[in-house]
């Protein structure tokens, strides 16, 4: 279970678009399954969502571990982040740095089993 919280958006629509782009990205979802906090994939999804963002003000944390500050990779204890990524539930918080709107979207990772189940049957 993954909670994607977008804050600092210019509008509710922008917050929603960015959160849904992250939550629905197959690349992001597969990285979460692998325990990889790949912040570049998260930032890319937020960027292609069409939502306004200020890269120089964008922040990202996973499970309370700050991994992006001012649009750049932040220093953090890798063991802390690996521990967070191993949990059954994680919380991703992205601040777009352009306003006061926010939203929360719930999603999950994408596992081998999910792909196998959904790729082996016909309708």
PDB file of N, CA and C in Angstrom:
ATOM      1  N   UNK A   1       0.852  -1.175   0.000  1.00  0.00           N
ATOM      2  CA  UNK A   1       0.000   0.000   0.000  1.00  0.00           C
ATOM      3  C   UNK A   1       0.890   1.228   0.000  1.00  0.00           C
ATOM      4  N   UNK A   2       0.640   2.135  -0.935  1.00  0.00           N
ATOM      5  CA  UNK A   2       1.435   3.351  -1.045  1.00  0.00           C
ATOM      6  C   UNK A   2       0.503   4.554  -1.000  1.00  0.00           C
ATOM      7  N   UNK A   3       0.813   5.495  -0.135  1.00  0.00           N
ATOM      8  CA  UNK A   3       0.098   6.756  -0.060  1.00  0.00           C
ATOM      9  C   UNK A   3       0.967   7.796  -0.754  1.00  0.00           C
ATOM     10  N   UNK A   4       0.403   8.456  -1.765  1.00  0.00           N
ATOM     11  CA  UNK A   4       1.111   9.517  -2.477  1.00  0.00           C
ATOM     12  C   UNK A   4       0.445  10.831  -2.093  1.00  0.00           C
ATOM     13  N   UNK A   5       1.183  11.679  -1.421  1.00  0.00           N
ATOM     14  CA  UNK A   5       0.682  12.988  -0.976  1.00  0.00           C
ATOM     15  C   UNK A   5       1.414  14.064  -1.767  1.00  0.00           C
ATOM     16  N   UNK A   6       0.672  14.886  -2.468  1.00  0.00           N
ATOM     17  CA  UNK A   6       1.259  16.017  -3.190  1.00  0.00           C
ATOM     18  C   UNK A   6       0.832  17.286  -2.480  1.00  0.00           C
ATOM     19  N   UNK A   7       1.797  18.124  -2.150  1.00  0.00           N
ATOM     20  CA  UNK A   7       1.550  19.410  -1.510  1.00  0.00           C
ATOM     21  C   UNK A   7       2.205  20.492  -2.359  1.00  0.00           C
ATOM     22  N   UNK A   8       1.967  21.739  -2.002  1.00  0.00           N
ATOM     23  CA  UNK A   8       2.622  22.848  -2.671  1.00  0.00           C
ATOM     24  C   UNK A   8       2.215  23.028  -4.122  1.00  0.00           C
ATOM     25  N   UNK A   9       1.025  22.533  -4.481  1.00  0.00           N
ATOM     26  CA  UNK A   9       0.552  22.661  -5.855  1.00  0.00           C
ATOM     27  C   UNK A   9      -0.151  23.999  -6.056  1.00  0.00           C
ATOM     28  N   UNK A  10      -0.194  24.457  -7.291  1.00  0.00           N
ATOM     29  CA  UNK A  10      -0.848  25.724  -7.608  1.00  0.00           C
ATOM     30  C   UNK A  10      -2.365  25.610  -7.479  1.00  0.00           C
ATOM     31  N   UNK A  11      -2.903  24.430  -7.795  1.00  0.00           N
ATOM     32  CA  UNK A  11      -4.351  24.223  -7.734  1.00  0.00           C
ATOM     33  C   UNK A  11      -4.636  22.788  -7.314  1.00  0.00           C
ATOM     34  N   UNK A  12      -5.879  22.545  -6.920  1.00  0.00           N
ATOM     35  CA  UNK A  12      -6.291  21.180  -6.572  1.00  0.00           C
ATOM     36  C   UNK A  12      -6.155  20.263  -7.785  1.00  0.00           C
ATOM     37  N   UNK A  13      -6.461  20.779  -8.970  1.00  0.00           N
ATOM     38  CA  UNK A  13      -6.343  19.977 -10.192  1.00  0.00           C
ATOM     39  C   UNK A  13      -4.888  19.585 -10.452  1.00  0.00           C
ATOM     40  N   UNK A  14      -3.958  20.521 -10.230  1.00  0.00           N
ATOM     41  CA  UNK A  14      -2.541  20.203 -10.403  1.00  0.00           C
ATOM     42  C   UNK A  14      -2.071  19.175  -9.379  1.00  0.00           C
ATOM     43  N   UNK A  15      -2.500  19.323  -8.143  1.00  0.00           N
ATOM     44  CA  UNK A  15      -2.130  18.358  -7.105  1.00  0.00           C
ATOM     45  C   UNK A  15      -2.628  16.969  -7.486  1.00  0.00           C
ATOM     46  N   UNK A  16      -3.875  16.903  -7.930  1.00  0.00           N
ATOM     47  CA  UNK A  16      -4.471  15.628  -8.312  1.00  0.00           C
ATOM     48  C   UNK A  16      -3.755  15.018  -9.511  1.00  0.00           C
ATOM     49  N   UNK A  17      -3.461  15.823 -10.518  1.00  0.00           N
ATOM     50  CA  UNK A  17      -2.786  15.315 -11.721  1.00  0.00           C
ATOM     51  C   UNK A  17      -1.406  14.765 -11.391  1.00  0.00           C
ATOM     52  N   UNK A  18      -0.646  15.482 -10.580  1.00  0.00           N
ATOM     53  CA  UNK A  18       0.698  15.032 -10.212  1.00  0.00           C
ATOM     54  C   UNK A  18       0.636  13.751  -9.385  1.00  0.00           C
ATOM     55  N   UNK A  19      -0.262  13.715  -8.404  1.00  0.00           N
ATOM     56  CA  UNK A  19      -0.383  12.525  -7.556  1.00  0.00           C
ATOM     57  C   UNK A  19      -0.789  11.307  -8.368  1.00  0.00           C
ATOM     58  N   UNK A  20      -1.741  11.478  -9.271  1.00  0.00           N
ATOM     59  CA  UNK A  20      -2.193  10.352 -10.097  1.00  0.00           C
ATOM     60  C   UNK A  20      -1.122   9.903 -11.092  1.00  0.00           C
ATOM     61  N   UNK A  21      -0.357  10.840 -11.633  1.00  0.00           N
ATOM     62  CA  UNK A  21       0.726  10.464 -12.548  1.00  0.00           C
ATOM     63  C   UNK A  21       1.757   9.599 -11.823  1.00  0.00           C
ATOM     64  N   UNK A  22       2.115   9.980 -10.610  1.00  0.00           N
ATOM     65  CA  UNK A  22       3.061   9.193  -9.816  1.00  0.00           C
ATOM     66  C   UNK A  22       2.440   7.845  -9.451  1.00  0.00           C
ATOM     67  N   UNK A  23       1.220   7.879  -8.943  1.00  0.00           N
ATOM     68  CA  UNK A  23       0.558   6.660  -8.474  1.00  0.00           C
ATOM     69  C   UNK A  23       0.291   5.654  -9.589  1.00  0.00           C
ATOM     70  N   UNK A  24       0.124   6.126 -10.819  1.00  0.00           N
ATOM     71  CA  UNK A  24      -0.211   5.237 -11.933  1.00  0.00           C
ATOM     72  C   UNK A  24       0.971   4.888 -12.829  1.00  0.00           C
ATOM     73  N   UNK A  25       2.132   5.432 -12.552  1.00  0.00           N
ATOM     74  CA  UNK A  25       3.298   5.177 -13.392  1.00  0.00           C
ATOM     75  C   UNK A  25       3.796   3.741 -13.224  1.00  0.00           C
ATOM     76  N   UNK A  26       3.810   2.954 -14.300  1.00  0.00           N
ATOM     77  CA  UNK A  26       4.352   1.596 -14.192  1.00  0.00           C
ATOM     78  C   UNK A  26       5.816   1.588 -13.756  1.00  0.00           C
ATOM     79  N   UNK A  27       6.613   2.551 -14.218  1.00  0.00           N
ATOM     80  CA  UNK A  27       8.025   2.587 -13.811  1.00  0.00           C
ATOM     81  C   UNK A  27       8.169   2.872 -12.321  1.00  0.00           C
ATOM     82  N   UNK A  28       7.360   3.775 -11.800  1.00  0.00           N
ATOM     83  CA  UNK A  28       7.409   4.081 -10.366  1.00  0.00           C
ATOM     84  C   UNK A  28       6.939   2.867  -9.569  1.00  0.00           C
ATOM     85  N   UNK A  29       5.830   2.276  -9.988  1.00  0.00           N
ATOM     86  CA  UNK A  29       5.253   1.144  -9.252  1.00  0.00           C
ATOM     87  C   UNK A  29       6.191  -0.063  -9.229  1.00  0.00           C
ATOM     88  N   UNK A  30       6.895  -0.322 -10.331  1.00  0.00           N
ATOM     89  CA  UNK A  30       7.829  -1.443 -10.337  1.00  0.00           C
ATOM     90  C   UNK A  30       9.058  -1.147  -9.480  1.00  0.00           C
ATOM     91  N   UNK A  31       9.487   0.116  -9.442  1.00  0.00           N
ATOM     92  CA  UNK A  31      10.629   0.440  -8.579  1.00  0.00           C
ATOM     93  C   UNK A  31      10.260   0.252  -7.111  1.00  0.00           C
ATOM     94  N   UNK A  32       9.033   0.623  -6.751  1.00  0.00           N
ATOM     95  CA  UNK A  32       8.604   0.411  -5.369  1.00  0.00           C
ATOM     96  C   UNK A  32       8.599  -1.074  -5.034  1.00  0.00           C
ATOM     97  N   UNK A  33       8.132  -1.899  -5.958  1.00  0.00           N
ATOM     98  CA  UNK A  33       8.118  -3.347  -5.715  1.00  0.00           C
ATOM     99  C   UNK A  33       9.526  -3.866  -5.455  1.00  0.00           C
ATOM    100  N   UNK A  34      10.492  -3.318  -6.182  1.00  0.00           N
ATOM    101  CA  UNK A  34      11.872  -3.749  -6.010  1.00  0.00           C
ATOM    102  C   UNK A  34      12.581  -3.107  -4.828  1.00  0.00           C
ATOM    103  N   UNK A  35      11.854  -2.280  -4.074  1.00  0.00           N
ATOM    104  CA  UNK A  35      12.467  -1.627  -2.918  1.00  0.00           C
ATOM    105  C   UNK A  35      13.405  -0.508  -3.316  1.00  0.00           C
ATOM    106  N   UNK A  36      13.263  -0.021  -4.559  1.00  0.00           N
ATOM    107  CA  UNK A  36      14.130   1.036  -5.077  1.00  0.00           C
ATOM    108  C   UNK A  36      13.409   2.374  -4.959  1.00  0.00           C
ATOM    109  N   UNK A  37      13.943   3.318  -4.211  1.00  0.00           N
ATOM    110  CA  UNK A  37      13.272   4.607  -4.026  1.00  0.00           C
ATOM    111  C   UNK A  37      13.482   5.568  -5.194  1.00  0.00           C
ATOM    112  N   UNK A  38      13.810   5.093  -6.344  1.00  0.00           N
ATOM    113  CA  UNK A  38      14.148   5.838  -7.555  1.00  0.00           C
ATOM    114  C   UNK A  38      13.416   7.175  -7.664  1.00  0.00           C
ATOM    115  N   UNK A  39      13.998   8.200  -7.063  1.00  0.00           N
ATOM    116  CA  UNK A  39      13.329   9.504  -7.016  1.00  0.00           C
ATOM    117  C   UNK A  39      13.232  10.154  -8.388  1.00  0.00           C
ATOM    118  N   UNK A  40      14.118   9.792  -9.299  1.00  0.00           N
ATOM    119  CA  UNK A  40      14.050  10.337 -10.652  1.00  0.00           C
ATOM    120  C   UNK A  40      12.764   9.938 -11.361  1.00  0.00           C
ATOM    121  N   UNK A  41      12.316   8.701 -11.148  1.00  0.00           N
ATOM    122  CA  UNK A  41      11.060   8.246 -11.745  1.00  0.00           C
ATOM    123  C   UNK A  41       9.867   9.002 -11.163  1.00  0.00           C
ATOM    124  N   UNK A  42       9.905   9.239  -9.866  1.00  0.00           N
ATOM    125  CA  UNK A  42       8.816   9.978  -9.213  1.00  0.00           C
ATOM    126  C   UNK A  42       8.780  11.410  -9.732  1.00  0.00           C
ATOM    127  N   UNK A  43       9.934  12.066  -9.789  1.00  0.00           N
ATOM    128  CA  UNK A  43      10.005  13.444 -10.271  1.00  0.00           C
ATOM    129  C   UNK A  43       9.582  13.535 -11.730  1.00  0.00           C
ATOM    130  N   UNK A  44       9.984  12.569 -12.518  1.00  0.00           N
ATOM    131  CA  UNK A  44       9.614  12.553 -13.933  1.00  0.00           C
ATOM    132  C   UNK A  44       8.095  12.452 -14.088  1.00  0.00           C
ATOM    133  N   UNK A  45       7.471  11.560 -13.332  1.00  0.00           N
ATOM    134  CA  UNK A  45       6.012  11.401 -13.413  1.00  0.00           C
ATOM    135  C   UNK A  45       5.307  12.690 -13.005  1.00  0.00           C
ATOM    136  N   UNK A  46       5.764  13.312 -11.934  1.00  0.00           N
ATOM    137  CA  UNK A  46       5.160  14.585 -11.518  1.00  0.00           C
ATOM    138  C   UNK A  46       5.345  15.626 -12.621  1.00  0.00           C
ATOM    139  N   UNK A  47       6.505  15.622 -13.260  1.00  0.00           N
ATOM    140  CA  UNK A  47       6.788  16.586 -14.316  1.00  0.00           C
ATOM    141  C   UNK A  47       5.946  16.393 -15.554  1.00  0.00           C
ATOM    142  N   UNK A  48       5.744  15.150 -15.978  1.00  0.00           N
ATOM    143  CA  UNK A  48       4.948  14.942 -17.191  1.00  0.00           C
ATOM    144  C   UNK A  48       3.445  14.999 -16.940  1.00  0.00           C
ATOM    145  N   UNK A  49       3.049  15.175 -15.700  1.00  0.00           N
ATOM    146  CA  UNK A  49       1.625  15.257 -15.367  1.00  0.00           C
ATOM    147  C   UNK A  49       0.959  16.505 -15.934  1.00  0.00           C
ATOM    148  N   UNK A  50       1.753  17.488 -16.292  1.00  0.00           N
ATOM    149  CA  UNK A  50       1.208  18.758 -16.753  1.00  0.00           C
ATOM    150  C   UNK A  50       1.014  19.759 -15.624  1.00  0.00           C
ATOM    151  N   UNK A  51       1.257  19.332 -14.405  1.00  0.00           N
ATOM    152  CA  UNK A  51       1.133  20.219 -13.243  1.00  0.00           C
ATOM    153  C   UNK A  51       2.305  21.186 -13.202  1.00  0.00           C
ATOM    154  N   UNK A  52       2.012  22.412 -12.797  1.00  0.00           N
ATOM    155  CA  UNK A  52       3.086  23.383 -12.627  1.00  0.00           C
ATOM    156  C   UNK A  52       3.908  22.988 -11.412  1.00  0.00           C
ATOM    157  N   UNK A  53       5.220  23.076 -11.543  1.00  0.00           N
ATOM    158  CA  UNK A  53       6.097  22.839 -10.406  1.00  0.00           C
ATOM    159  C   UNK A  53       7.334  23.700 -10.547  1.00  0.00           C
ATOM    160  N   UNK A  54       7.986  23.936  -9.435  1.00  0.00           N
ATOM    161  CA  UNK A  54       9.227  24.710  -9.405  1.00  0.00           C
ATOM    162  C   UNK A  54      10.347  23.745  -9.039  1.00  0.00           C
ATOM    163  N   UNK A  55      11.115  23.277 -10.031  1.00  0.00           N
ATOM    164  CA  UNK A  55      12.154  22.293  -9.728  1.00  0.00           C
ATOM    165  C   UNK A  55      13.077  22.707  -8.585  1.00  0.00           C
ATOM    166  N   UNK A  56      13.412  23.990  -8.534  1.00  0.00           N
ATOM    167  CA  UNK A  56      14.339  24.464  -7.498  1.00  0.00           C
ATOM    168  C   UNK A  56      13.720  24.488  -6.102  1.00  0.00           C
ATOM    169  N   UNK A  57      12.405  24.267  -6.016  1.00  0.00           N
ATOM    170  CA  UNK A  57      11.724  24.233  -4.722  1.00  0.00           C
ATOM    171  C   UNK A  57      11.112  22.864  -4.417  1.00  0.00           C
ATOM    172  N   UNK A  58      11.205  21.942  -5.355  1.00  0.00           N
ATOM    173  CA  UNK A  58      10.573  20.633  -5.200  1.00  0.00           C
ATOM    174  C   UNK A  58      11.295  19.794  -4.157  1.00  0.00           C
ATOM    175  N   UNK A  59      10.506  19.152  -3.299  1.00  0.00           N
ATOM    176  CA  UNK A  59      11.057  18.230  -2.307  1.00  0.00           C
ATOM    177  C   UNK A  59      10.321  16.899  -2.410  1.00  0.00           C
ATOM    178  N   UNK A  60      10.962  15.852  -1.941  1.00  0.00           N
ATOM    179  CA  UNK A  60      10.377  14.510  -1.957  1.00  0.00           C
ATOM    180  C   UNK A  60      10.883  13.742  -0.754  1.00  0.00           C
ATOM    181  N   UNK A  61       9.943  13.115  -0.054  1.00  0.00           N
ATOM    182  CA  UNK A  61      10.331  12.220   1.033  1.00  0.00           C
ATOM    183  C   UNK A  61       9.567  10.918   0.888  1.00  0.00           C
ATOM    184  N   UNK A  62      10.177   9.860   1.354  1.00  0.00           N
ATOM    185  CA  UNK A  62       9.534   8.546   1.391  1.00  0.00           C
ATOM    186  C   UNK A  62       9.657   8.040   2.815  1.00  0.00           C
ATOM    187  N   UNK A  63       8.511   7.777   3.413  1.00  0.00           N
ATOM    188  CA  UNK A  63       8.503   7.286   4.789  1.00  0.00           C
ATOM    189  C   UNK A  63       9.170   8.231   5.764  1.00  0.00           C
ATOM    190  N   UNK A  64       9.095   9.525   5.482  1.00  0.00           N
ATOM    191  CA  UNK A  64       9.696  10.513   6.363  1.00  0.00           C
ATOM    192  C   UNK A  64      11.172  10.756   6.111  1.00  0.00           C
ATOM    193  N   UNK A  65      11.762  10.019   5.175  1.00  0.00           N
ATOM    194  CA  UNK A  65      13.169  10.214   4.833  1.00  0.00           C
ATOM    195  C   UNK A  65      13.233  11.169   3.645  1.00  0.00           C
ATOM    196  N   UNK A  66      13.829  12.340   3.855  1.00  0.00           N
ATOM    197  CA  UNK A  66      13.935  13.353   2.807  1.00  0.00           C
ATOM    198  C   UNK A  66      14.987  12.907   1.800  1.00  0.00           C
ATOM    199  N   UNK A  67      14.564  12.679   0.514  1.00  0.00           N
ATOM    200  CA  UNK A  67      15.521  12.227  -0.482  1.00  0.00           C
ATOM    201  C   UNK A  67      15.759  13.251  -1.593  1.00  0.00           C
ATOM    202  N   UNK A  68      14.870  14.251  -1.697  1.00  0.00           N
ATOM    203  CA  UNK A  68      15.068  15.348  -2.650  1.00  0.00           C
ATOM    204  C   UNK A  68      14.829  16.655  -1.909  1.00  0.00           C
ATOM    205  N   UNK A  69      15.749  17.574  -2.103  1.00  0.00           N
ATOM    206  CA  UNK A  69      15.647  18.916  -1.515  1.00  0.00           C
ATOM    207  C   UNK A  69      16.042  19.901  -2.595  1.00  0.00           C
ATOM    208  N   UNK A  70      15.199  20.899  -2.832  1.00  0.00           N
ATOM    209  CA  UNK A  70      15.457  21.916  -3.864  1.00  0.00           C
ATOM    210  C   UNK A  70      15.708  21.278  -5.227  1.00  0.00           C
ATOM    211  N   UNK A  71      14.958  20.218  -5.527  1.00  0.00           N
ATOM    212  CA  UNK A  71      15.045  19.565  -6.817  1.00  0.00           C
ATOM    213  C   UNK A  71      16.257  18.685  -7.032  1.00  0.00           C
ATOM    214  N   UNK A  72      17.076  18.497  -6.019  1.00  0.00           N
ATOM    215  CA  UNK A  72      18.302  17.702  -6.130  1.00  0.00           C
ATOM    216  C   UNK A  72      18.290  16.595  -5.084  1.00  0.00           C
ATOM    217  N   UNK A  73      19.036  15.554  -5.355  1.00  0.00           N
ATOM    218  CA  UNK A  73      19.152  14.473  -4.392  1.00  0.00           C
ATOM    219  C   UNK A  73      19.712  14.977  -3.074  1.00  0.00           C
ATOM    220  N   UNK A  74      19.057  14.602  -1.990  1.00  0.00           N
ATOM    221  CA  UNK A  74      19.487  15.029  -0.657  1.00  0.00           C
ATOM    222  C   UNK A  74      20.349  13.940  -0.020  1.00  0.00           C
ATOM    223  N   UNK A  75      21.116  14.324   0.976  1.00  0.00           N
ATOM    224  CA  UNK A  75      21.893  13.337   1.735  1.00  0.00           C
ATOM    225  C   UNK A  75      20.963  12.672   2.746  1.00  0.00           C
ATOM    226  N   UNK A  76      21.029  11.361   2.804  1.00  0.00           N
ATOM    227  CA  UNK A  76      20.204  10.608   3.746  1.00  0.00           C
ATOM    228  C   UNK A  76      20.910   9.299   4.053  1.00  0.00           C
ATOM    229  N   UNK A  77      20.488   8.673   5.133  1.00  0.00           N
ATOM    230  CA  UNK A  77      21.048   7.376   5.506  1.00  0.00           C
ATOM    231  C   UNK A  77      20.363   6.298   4.672  1.00  0.00           C
ATOM    232  N   UNK A  78      21.114   5.680   3.792  1.00  0.00           N
ATOM    233  CA  UNK A  78      20.548   4.674   2.897  1.00  0.00           C
ATOM    234  C   UNK A  78      19.869   3.537   3.665  1.00  0.00           C
ATOM    235  N   UNK A  79      20.430   3.144   4.807  1.00  0.00           N
ATOM    236  CA  UNK A  79      19.823   2.055   5.584  1.00  0.00           C
ATOM    237  C   UNK A  79      18.429   2.452   6.079  1.00  0.00           C
ATOM    238  N   UNK A  80      18.240   3.723   6.413  1.00  0.00           N
ATOM    239  CA  UNK A  80      16.922   4.180   6.849  1.00  0.00           C
ATOM    240  C   UNK A  80      15.910   4.082   5.715  1.00  0.00           C
ATOM    241  N   UNK A  81      16.328   4.489   4.532  1.00  0.00           N
ATOM    242  CA  UNK A  81      15.426   4.446   3.382  1.00  0.00           C
ATOM    243  C   UNK A  81      15.144   3.011   2.969  1.00  0.00           C
ATOM    244  N   UNK A  82      16.140   2.155   2.973  1.00  0.00           N
ATOM    245  CA  UNK A  82      15.924   0.735   2.631  1.00  0.00           C
ATOM    246  C   UNK A  82      14.933   0.107   3.609  1.00  0.00           C
ATOM    247  N   UNK A  83      15.041   0.469   4.871  1.00  0.00           N
ATOM    248  CA  UNK A  83      14.114  -0.035   5.878  1.00  0.00           C
ATOM    249  C   UNK A  83      12.688   0.410   5.576  1.00  0.00           C
ATOM    250  N   UNK A  84      12.519   1.677   5.225  1.00  0.00           N
ATOM    251  CA  UNK A  84      11.201   2.220   4.880  1.00  0.00           C
ATOM    252  C   UNK A  84      10.635   1.504   3.655  1.00  0.00           C
ATOM    253  N   UNK A  85      11.476   1.304   2.640  1.00  0.00           N
ATOM    254  CA  UNK A  85      11.021   0.677   1.399  1.00  0.00           C
ATOM    255  C   UNK A  85      10.628  -0.792   1.596  1.00  0.00           C
ATOM    256  N   UNK A  86      11.102  -1.407   2.660  1.00  0.00           N
ATOM    257  CA  UNK A  86      10.765  -2.809   2.939  1.00  0.00           C
ATOM    258  C   UNK A  86       9.424  -2.953   3.659  1.00  0.00           C
ATOM    259  N   UNK A  87       8.860  -1.854   4.112  1.00  0.00           N
ATOM    260  CA  UNK A  87       7.576  -1.897   4.823  1.00  0.00           C
ATOM    261  C   UNK A  87       6.436  -2.249   3.872  1.00  0.00           C
ATOM    262  N   UNK A  88       5.343  -2.761   4.408  1.00  0.00           N
ATOM    263  CA  UNK A  88       4.160  -3.088   3.598  1.00  0.00           C
ATOM    264  C   UNK A  88       3.403  -1.832   3.189  1.00  0.00           C
ATOM    265  N   UNK A  89       3.547  -0.767   3.963  1.00  0.00           N
ATOM    266  CA  UNK A  89       2.894   0.504   3.653  1.00  0.00           C
ATOM    267  C   UNK A  89       3.952   1.605   3.671  1.00  0.00           C
ATOM    268  N   UNK A  90       3.965   2.407   2.604  1.00  0.00           N
ATOM    269  CA  UNK A  90       4.896   3.527   2.564  1.00  0.00           C
ATOM    270  C   UNK A  90       4.149   4.802   2.189  1.00  0.00           C
ATOM    271  N   UNK A  91       4.718   5.917   2.610  1.00  0.00           N
ATOM    272  CA  UNK A  91       4.119   7.216   2.316  1.00  0.00           C
ATOM    273  C   UNK A  91       5.130   8.054   1.546  1.00  0.00           C
ATOM    274  N   UNK A  92       4.684   8.518   0.383  1.00  0.00           N
ATOM    275  CA  UNK A  92       5.494   9.366  -0.483  1.00  0.00           C
ATOM    276  C   UNK A  92       4.901  10.769  -0.413  1.00  0.00           C
ATOM    277  N   UNK A  93       5.732  11.765  -0.140  1.00  0.00           N
ATOM    278  CA  UNK A  93       5.262  13.147  -0.072  1.00  0.00           C
ATOM    279  C   UNK A  93       6.107  13.986  -1.019  1.00  0.00           C
ATOM    280  N   UNK A  94       5.425  14.647  -1.961  1.00  0.00           N
ATOM    281  CA  UNK A  94       6.079  15.505  -2.946  1.00  0.00           C
ATOM    282  C   UNK A  94       5.535  16.912  -2.770  1.00  0.00           C
ATOM    283  N   UNK A  95       6.425  17.881  -2.608  1.00  0.00           N
ATOM    284  CA  UNK A  95       6.028  19.283  -2.563  1.00  0.00           C
ATOM    285  C   UNK A  95       6.467  19.917  -3.869  1.00  0.00           C
ATOM    286  N   UNK A  96       5.493  20.414  -4.650  1.00  0.00           N
ATOM    287  CA  UNK A  96       5.778  20.995  -5.963  1.00  0.00           C
ATOM    288  C   UNK A  96       6.331  22.416  -5.883  1.00  0.00           C
ATOM    289  N   UNK A  97       6.189  23.057  -4.729  1.00  0.00           N
ATOM    290  CA  UNK A  97       6.813  24.352  -4.493  1.00  0.00           C
ATOM    291  C   UNK A  97       6.201  25.551  -5.190  1.00  0.00           C
ATOM    292  N   UNK A  98       4.910  25.477  -5.566  1.00  0.00           N
ATOM    293  CA  UNK A  98       4.327  26.620  -6.277  1.00  0.00           C
ATOM    294  C   UNK A  98       3.018  27.139  -5.685  1.00  0.00           C
ATOM    295  N   UNK A  99       2.507  26.522  -4.642  1.00  0.00           N
ATOM    296  CA  UNK A  99       1.222  26.972  -4.104  1.00  0.00           C
ATOM    297  C   UNK A  99       0.878  26.288  -2.802  1.00  0.00           C
ATOM    298  N   UNK A 100      -0.427  26.273  -2.507  1.00  0.00           N
ATOM    299  CA  UNK A 100      -0.884  25.731  -1.230  1.00  0.00           C
ATOM    300  C   UNK A 100      -1.829  24.546  -1.369  1.00  0.00           C
ATOM    301  N   UNK A 101      -2.153  24.141  -2.593  1.00  0.00           N
ATOM    302  CA  UNK A 101      -3.098  23.039  -2.799  1.00  0.00           C
ATOM    303  C   UNK A 101      -2.415  21.693  -2.563  1.00  0.00           C
ATOM    304  N   UNK A 102      -3.214  20.721  -2.134  1.00  0.00           N
ATOM    305  CA  UNK A 102      -2.669  19.389  -1.871  1.00  0.00           C
ATOM    306  C   UNK A 102      -3.734  18.326  -2.103  1.00  0.00           C
ATOM    307  N   UNK A 103      -3.281  17.093  -2.194  1.00  0.00           N
ATOM    308  CA  UNK A 103      -4.189  15.951  -2.301  1.00  0.00           C
ATOM    309  C   UNK A 103      -3.448  14.693  -1.894  1.00  0.00           C
ATOM    310  N   UNK A 104      -4.208  13.632  -1.684  1.00  0.00           N
ATOM    311  CA  UNK A 104      -3.655  12.322  -1.355  1.00  0.00           C
ATOM    312  C   UNK A 104      -4.306  11.286  -2.260  1.00  0.00           C
ATOM    313  N   UNK A 105      -3.476  10.402  -2.808  1.00  0.00           N
ATOM    314  CA  UNK A 105      -3.942   9.310  -3.655  1.00  0.00           C
ATOM    315  C   UNK A 105      -3.339   8.023  -3.103  1.00  0.00           C
ATOM    316  N   UNK A 106      -4.106   6.956  -3.146  1.00  0.00           N
ATOM    317  CA  UNK A 106      -3.641   5.651  -2.665  1.00  0.00           C
ATOM    318  C   UNK A 106      -3.405   4.734  -3.858  1.00  0.00           C
ATOM    319  N   UNK A 107      -2.341   3.948  -3.777  1.00  0.00           N
ATOM    320  CA  UNK A 107      -1.991   3.040  -4.862  1.00  0.00           C
ATOM    321  C   UNK A 107      -1.246   1.837  -4.282  1.00  0.00           C
ATOM    322  N   UNK A 108      -0.628   1.083  -5.150  1.00  0.00           N
ATOM    323  CA  UNK A 108       0.171  -0.060  -4.722  1.00  0.00           C
ATOM    324  C   UNK A 108       1.342  -0.213  -5.681  1.00  0.00           C
ATOM    325  N   UNK A 109       2.223  -1.140  -5.370  1.00  0.00           N
ATOM    326  CA  UNK A 109       3.326  -1.401  -6.279  1.00  0.00           C
ATOM    327  C   UNK A 109       2.830  -2.301  -7.417  1.00  0.00           C
ATOM    328  N   UNK A 110       3.720  -2.641  -8.328  1.00  0.00           N
ATOM    329  CA  UNK A 110       3.377  -3.548  -9.417  1.00  0.00           C
ATOM    330  C   UNK A 110       4.398  -4.676  -9.389  1.00  0.00           C
ATOM    331  N   UNK A 111       3.921  -5.850  -9.042  1.00  0.00           N
ATOM    332  CA  UNK A 111       4.810  -6.984  -8.866  1.00  0.00           C
ATOM    333  C   UNK A 111       4.828  -7.893 -10.088  1.00  0.00           C
ATOM    334  N   UNK A 112       5.773  -8.836 -10.088  1.00  0.00           N
ATOM    335  CA  UNK A 112       5.814  -9.855 -11.126  1.00  0.00           C
ATOM    336  C   UNK A 112       4.496 -10.615 -11.164  1.00  0.00           C
ATOM    337  N   UNK A 113       3.986 -10.931  -9.970  1.00  0.00           N
ATOM    338  CA  UNK A 113       2.750 -11.701  -9.884  1.00  0.00           C
ATOM    339  C   UNK A 113       1.577 -10.947 -10.511  1.00  0.00           C
ATOM    340  N   UNK A 114       1.506  -9.646 -10.305  1.00  0.00           N
ATOM    341  CA  UNK A 114       0.440  -8.835 -10.885  1.00  0.00           C
ATOM    342  C   UNK A 114       0.498  -8.910 -12.409  1.00  0.00           C
ATOM    343  N   UNK A 115       1.683  -8.741 -12.944  1.00  0.00           N
ATOM    344  CA  UNK A 115       1.855  -8.782 -14.396  1.00  0.00           C
ATOM    345  C   UNK A 115       1.518 -10.169 -14.926  1.00  0.00           C
ATOM    346  N   UNK A 116       1.985 -11.202 -14.237  1.00  0.00           N
ATOM    347  CA  UNK A 116       1.729 -12.588 -14.658  1.00  0.00           C
ATOM    348  C   UNK A 116       0.229 -12.877 -14.654  1.00  0.00           C
ATOM    349  N   UNK A 117      -0.456 -12.547 -13.581  1.00  0.00           N
ATOM    350  CA  UNK A 117      -1.888 -12.802 -13.461  1.00  0.00           C
ATOM    351  C   UNK A 117      -2.659 -12.093 -14.562  1.00  0.00           C
ATOM    352  N   UNK A 118      -2.327 -10.832 -14.794  1.00  0.00           N
ATOM    353  CA  UNK A 118      -3.077 -10.041 -15.757  1.00  0.00           C
ATOM    354  C   UNK A 118      -2.642 -10.248 -17.204  1.00  0.00           C
ATOM    355  N   UNK A 119      -1.551 -10.975 -17.402  1.00  0.00           N
ATOM    356  CA  UNK A 119      -1.085 -11.242 -18.744  1.00  0.00           C
ATOM    357  C   UNK A 119      -1.397 -12.645 -19.253  1.00  0.00           C
ATOM    358  N   UNK A 120      -1.898 -13.503 -18.368  1.00  0.00           N
ATOM    359  CA  UNK A 120      -2.090 -14.897 -18.755  1.00  0.00           C
ATOM    360  C   UNK A 120      -3.522 -15.307 -19.036  1.00  0.00           C
ATOM    361  N   UNK A 121      -4.437 -14.408 -18.909  1.00  0.00           N
ATOM    362  CA  UNK A 121      -5.820 -14.808 -19.183  1.00  0.00           C
ATOM    363  C   UNK A 121      -6.369 -14.004 -20.346  1.00  0.00           C
ATOM    364  N   UNK A 122      -7.395 -14.534 -20.960  1.00  0.00           N
ATOM    365  CA  UNK A 122      -8.064 -13.813 -22.035  1.00  0.00           C
ATOM    366  C   UNK A 122      -9.506 -13.587 -21.632  1.00  0.00           C
ATOM    367  N   UNK A 123     -10.115 -12.599 -22.230  1.00  0.00           N
ATOM    368  CA  UNK A 123     -11.524 -12.297 -21.919  1.00  0.00           C
ATOM    369  C   UNK A 123     -12.402 -12.552 -23.120  1.00  0.00           C
TER     370      UNK A 123
END
